[in-house]
Amino acid sequence: MPLAVVHGWRFATTEPAPKVAYHGLVHFQHKMVVVVMLWCM
């Protein structure tokens, strides 16, 4: 879990294009929501 957060933060900070970073952050949050939903089931 913490490793995934660090990876997501690193991806968002190393990407030069704001649009790409925003897309990566949204995709990362969506992936976390899916993981939480599957884990709750």
PDB file of N, CA and C in Angstrom:
ATOM      1  N   MET A   1       0.832  -1.208   0.000  1.00  0.00           N
ATOM      2  CA  MET A   1       0.000   0.000   0.000  1.00  0.00           C
ATOM      3  C   MET A   1       0.869   1.261   0.000  1.00  0.00           C
ATOM      4  N   PRO A   2       1.763   1.434   0.984  1.00  0.00           N
ATOM      5  CA  PRO A   2       2.606   2.639   0.975  1.00  0.00           C
ATOM      6  C   PRO A   2       3.493   2.696  -0.261  1.00  0.00           C
ATOM      7  N   LEU A   3       3.962   1.527  -0.709  1.00  0.00           N
ATOM      8  CA  LEU A   3       4.824   1.491  -1.882  1.00  0.00           C
ATOM      9  C   LEU A   3       4.072   1.986  -3.121  1.00  0.00           C
ATOM     10  N   ALA A   4       2.794   1.613  -3.224  1.00  0.00           N
ATOM     11  CA  ALA A   4       1.974   2.060  -4.350  1.00  0.00           C
ATOM     12  C   ALA A   4       1.766   3.572  -4.297  1.00  0.00           C
ATOM     13  N   VAL A   5       1.591   4.093  -3.086  1.00  0.00           N
ATOM     14  CA  VAL A   5       1.403   5.542  -2.927  1.00  0.00           C
ATOM     15  C   VAL A   5       2.670   6.283  -3.342  1.00  0.00           C
ATOM     16  N   VAL A   6       3.815   5.761  -2.917  1.00  0.00           N
ATOM     17  CA  VAL A   6       5.096   6.378  -3.288  1.00  0.00           C
ATOM     18  C   VAL A   6       5.296   6.326  -4.792  1.00  0.00           C
ATOM     19  N   HIS A   7       4.933   5.204  -5.415  1.00  0.00           N
ATOM     20  CA  HIS A   7       5.075   5.055  -6.859  1.00  0.00           C
ATOM     21  C   HIS A   7       4.169   6.048  -7.587  1.00  0.00           C
ATOM     22  N   GLY A   8       2.934   6.194  -7.105  1.00  0.00           N
ATOM     23  CA  GLY A   8       1.993   7.131  -7.720  1.00  0.00           C
ATOM     24  C   GLY A   8       2.472   8.566  -7.575  1.00  0.00           C
ATOM     25  N   TRP A   9       3.006   8.892  -6.395  1.00  0.00           N
ATOM     26  CA  TRP A   9       3.505  10.262  -6.154  1.00  0.00           C
ATOM     27  C   TRP A   9       4.718  10.525  -7.035  1.00  0.00           C
ATOM     28  N   ARG A  10       5.594   9.534  -7.151  1.00  0.00           N
ATOM     29  CA  ARG A  10       6.793   9.682  -7.979  1.00  0.00           C
ATOM     30  C   ARG A  10       6.409   9.875  -9.437  1.00  0.00           C
ATOM     31  N   PHE A  11       5.395   9.125  -9.898  1.00  0.00           N
ATOM     32  CA  PHE A  11       4.936   9.247 -11.286  1.00  0.00           C
ATOM     33  C   PHE A  11       4.352  10.635 -11.530  1.00  0.00           C
ATOM     34  N   ALA A  12       3.587  11.139 -10.552  1.00  0.00           N
ATOM     35  CA  ALA A  12       2.936  12.441 -10.702  1.00  0.00           C
ATOM     36  C   ALA A  12       3.967  13.569 -10.670  1.00  0.00           C
ATOM     37  N   THR A  13       5.049  13.393  -9.937  1.00  0.00           N
ATOM     38  CA  THR A  13       6.045  14.463  -9.800  1.00  0.00           C
ATOM     39  C   THR A  13       7.092  14.420 -10.899  1.00  0.00           C
ATOM     40  N   THR A  14       7.334  13.243 -11.493  1.00  0.00           N
ATOM     41  CA  THR A  14       8.375  13.130 -12.516  1.00  0.00           C
ATOM     42  C   THR A  14       7.827  13.430 -13.911  1.00  0.00           C
ATOM     43  N   GLU A  15       6.514  13.375 -14.091  1.00  0.00           N
ATOM     44  CA  GLU A  15       5.931  13.662 -15.404  1.00  0.00           C
ATOM     45  C   GLU A  15       5.983  15.165 -15.663  1.00  0.00           C
ATOM     46  N   PRO A  16       6.558  15.591 -16.790  1.00  0.00           N
ATOM     47  CA  PRO A  16       6.668  17.013 -17.102  1.00  0.00           C
ATOM     48  C   PRO A  16       5.338  17.647 -17.518  1.00  0.00           C
ATOM     49  N   ALA A  17       4.512  16.863 -18.200  1.00  0.00           N
ATOM     50  CA  ALA A  17       3.240  17.406 -18.681  1.00  0.00           C
ATOM     51  C   ALA A  17       2.173  17.311 -17.584  1.00  0.00           C
ATOM     52  N   PRO A  18       1.553  18.448 -17.229  1.00  0.00           N
ATOM     53  CA  PRO A  18       0.510  18.431 -16.183  1.00  0.00           C
ATOM     54  C   PRO A  18      -0.660  17.530 -16.550  1.00  0.00           C
ATOM     55  N   LYS A  19      -1.029  17.508 -17.820  1.00  0.00           N
ATOM     56  CA  LYS A  19      -2.159  16.679 -18.246  1.00  0.00           C
ATOM     57  C   LYS A  19      -1.847  15.210 -18.040  1.00  0.00           C
ATOM     58  N   VAL A  20      -0.636  14.798 -18.366  1.00  0.00           N
ATOM     59  CA  VAL A  20      -0.243  13.397 -18.202  1.00  0.00           C
ATOM     60  C   VAL A  20      -0.219  13.033 -16.725  1.00  0.00           C
ATOM     61  N   ALA A  21       0.291  13.950 -15.886  1.00  0.00           N
ATOM     62  CA  ALA A  21       0.364  13.704 -14.446  1.00  0.00           C
ATOM     63  C   ALA A  21      -1.045  13.599 -13.863  1.00  0.00           C
ATOM     64  N   TYR A  22      -1.933  14.485 -14.309  1.00  0.00           N
ATOM     65  CA  TYR A  22      -3.315  14.461 -13.816  1.00  0.00           C
ATOM     66  C   TYR A  22      -4.002  13.163 -14.233  1.00  0.00           C
ATOM     67  N   HIS A  23      -3.775  12.748 -15.477  1.00  0.00           N
ATOM     68  CA  HIS A  23      -4.379  11.506 -15.963  1.00  0.00           C
ATOM     69  C   HIS A  23      -3.854  10.313 -15.163  1.00  0.00           C
ATOM     70  N   GLY A  24      -2.559  10.322 -14.864  1.00  0.00           N
ATOM     71  CA  GLY A  24      -1.972   9.232 -14.093  1.00  0.00           C
ATOM     72  C   GLY A  24      -2.534   9.184 -12.679  1.00  0.00           C
ATOM     73  N   LEU A  25      -2.735  10.378 -12.093  1.00  0.00           N
ATOM     74  CA  LEU A  25      -3.262  10.438 -10.731  1.00  0.00           C
ATOM     75  C   LEU A  25      -4.701   9.942 -10.692  1.00  0.00           C
ATOM     76  N   VAL A  26      -5.507  10.337 -11.685  1.00  0.00           N
ATOM     77  CA  VAL A  26      -6.905   9.888 -11.746  1.00  0.00           C
ATOM     78  C   VAL A  26      -6.958   8.373 -11.941  1.00  0.00           C
ATOM     79  N   HIS A  27      -6.094   7.867 -12.837  1.00  0.00           N
ATOM     80  CA  HIS A  27      -6.067   6.430 -13.097  1.00  0.00           C
ATOM     81  C   HIS A  27      -5.647   5.677 -11.836  1.00  0.00           C
ATOM     82  N   PHE A  28      -4.686   6.244 -11.084  1.00  0.00           N
ATOM     83  CA  PHE A  28      -4.208   5.600  -9.857  1.00  0.00           C
ATOM     84  C   PHE A  28      -5.320   5.560  -8.817  1.00  0.00           C
ATOM     85  N   GLN A  29      -6.070   6.669  -8.666  1.00  0.00           N
ATOM     86  CA  GLN A  29      -7.162   6.711  -7.694  1.00  0.00           C
ATOM     87  C   GLN A  29      -8.261   5.725  -8.088  1.00  0.00           C
ATOM     88  N   HIS A  30      -8.569   5.635  -9.387  1.00  0.00           N
ATOM     89  CA  HIS A  30      -9.596   4.718  -9.861  1.00  0.00           C
ATOM     90  C   HIS A  30      -9.188   3.273  -9.571  1.00  0.00           C
ATOM     91  N   LYS A  31      -7.893   2.980  -9.767  1.00  0.00           N
ATOM     92  CA  LYS A  31      -7.390   1.630  -9.508  1.00  0.00           C
ATOM     93  C   LYS A  31      -7.522   1.294  -8.023  1.00  0.00           C
ATOM     94  N   MET A  32      -7.231   2.271  -7.157  1.00  0.00           N
ATOM     95  CA  MET A  32      -7.339   2.051  -5.714  1.00  0.00           C
ATOM     96  C   MET A  32      -8.790   1.801  -5.320  1.00  0.00           C
ATOM     97  N   VAL A  33      -9.726   2.536  -5.935  1.00  0.00           N
ATOM     98  CA  VAL A  33     -11.154   2.347  -5.641  1.00  0.00           C
ATOM     99  C   VAL A  33     -11.587   0.930  -6.022  1.00  0.00           C
ATOM    100  N   VAL A  34     -11.123   0.464  -7.180  1.00  0.00           N
ATOM    101  CA  VAL A  34     -11.461  -0.899  -7.631  1.00  0.00           C
ATOM    102  C   VAL A  34     -10.895  -1.929  -6.656  1.00  0.00           C
ATOM    103  N   VAL A  35      -9.654  -1.711  -6.209  1.00  0.00           N
ATOM    104  CA  VAL A  35      -9.020  -2.644  -5.270  1.00  0.00           C
ATOM    105  C   VAL A  35      -9.797  -2.682  -3.957  1.00  0.00           C
ATOM    106  N   VAL A  36     -10.199  -1.527  -3.468  1.00  0.00           N
ATOM    107  CA  VAL A  36     -10.954  -1.462  -2.209  1.00  0.00           C
ATOM    108  C   VAL A  36     -12.301  -2.157  -2.358  1.00  0.00           C
ATOM    109  N   MET A  37     -12.963  -1.940  -3.494  1.00  0.00           N
ATOM    110  CA  MET A  37     -14.268  -2.573  -3.723  1.00  0.00           C
ATOM    111  C   MET A  37     -14.126  -4.098  -3.768  1.00  0.00           C
ATOM    112  N   LEU A  38     -13.111  -4.579  -4.482  1.00  0.00           N
ATOM    113  CA  LEU A  38     -12.900  -6.025  -4.568  1.00  0.00           C
ATOM    114  C   LEU A  38     -12.523  -6.595  -3.210  1.00  0.00           C
ATOM    115  N   TRP A  39     -11.729  -5.834  -2.430  1.00  0.00           N
ATOM    116  CA  TRP A  39     -11.301  -6.312  -1.117  1.00  0.00           C
ATOM    117  C   TRP A  39     -12.485  -6.375  -0.152  1.00  0.00           C
ATOM    118  N   CYS A  40     -13.389  -5.394  -0.271  1.00  0.00           N
ATOM    119  CA  CYS A  40     -14.567  -5.388   0.616  1.00  0.00           C
ATOM    120  C   CYS A  40     -15.495  -6.566   0.287  1.00  0.00           C
ATOM    121  N   MET A  41     -15.557  -6.954  -0.971  1.00  0.00           N
ATOM    122  CA  MET A  41     -16.403  -8.079  -1.361  1.00  0.00           C
ATOM    123  C   MET A  41     -15.811  -9.379  -0.831  1.00  0.00           C
TER     124      MET A  41
END
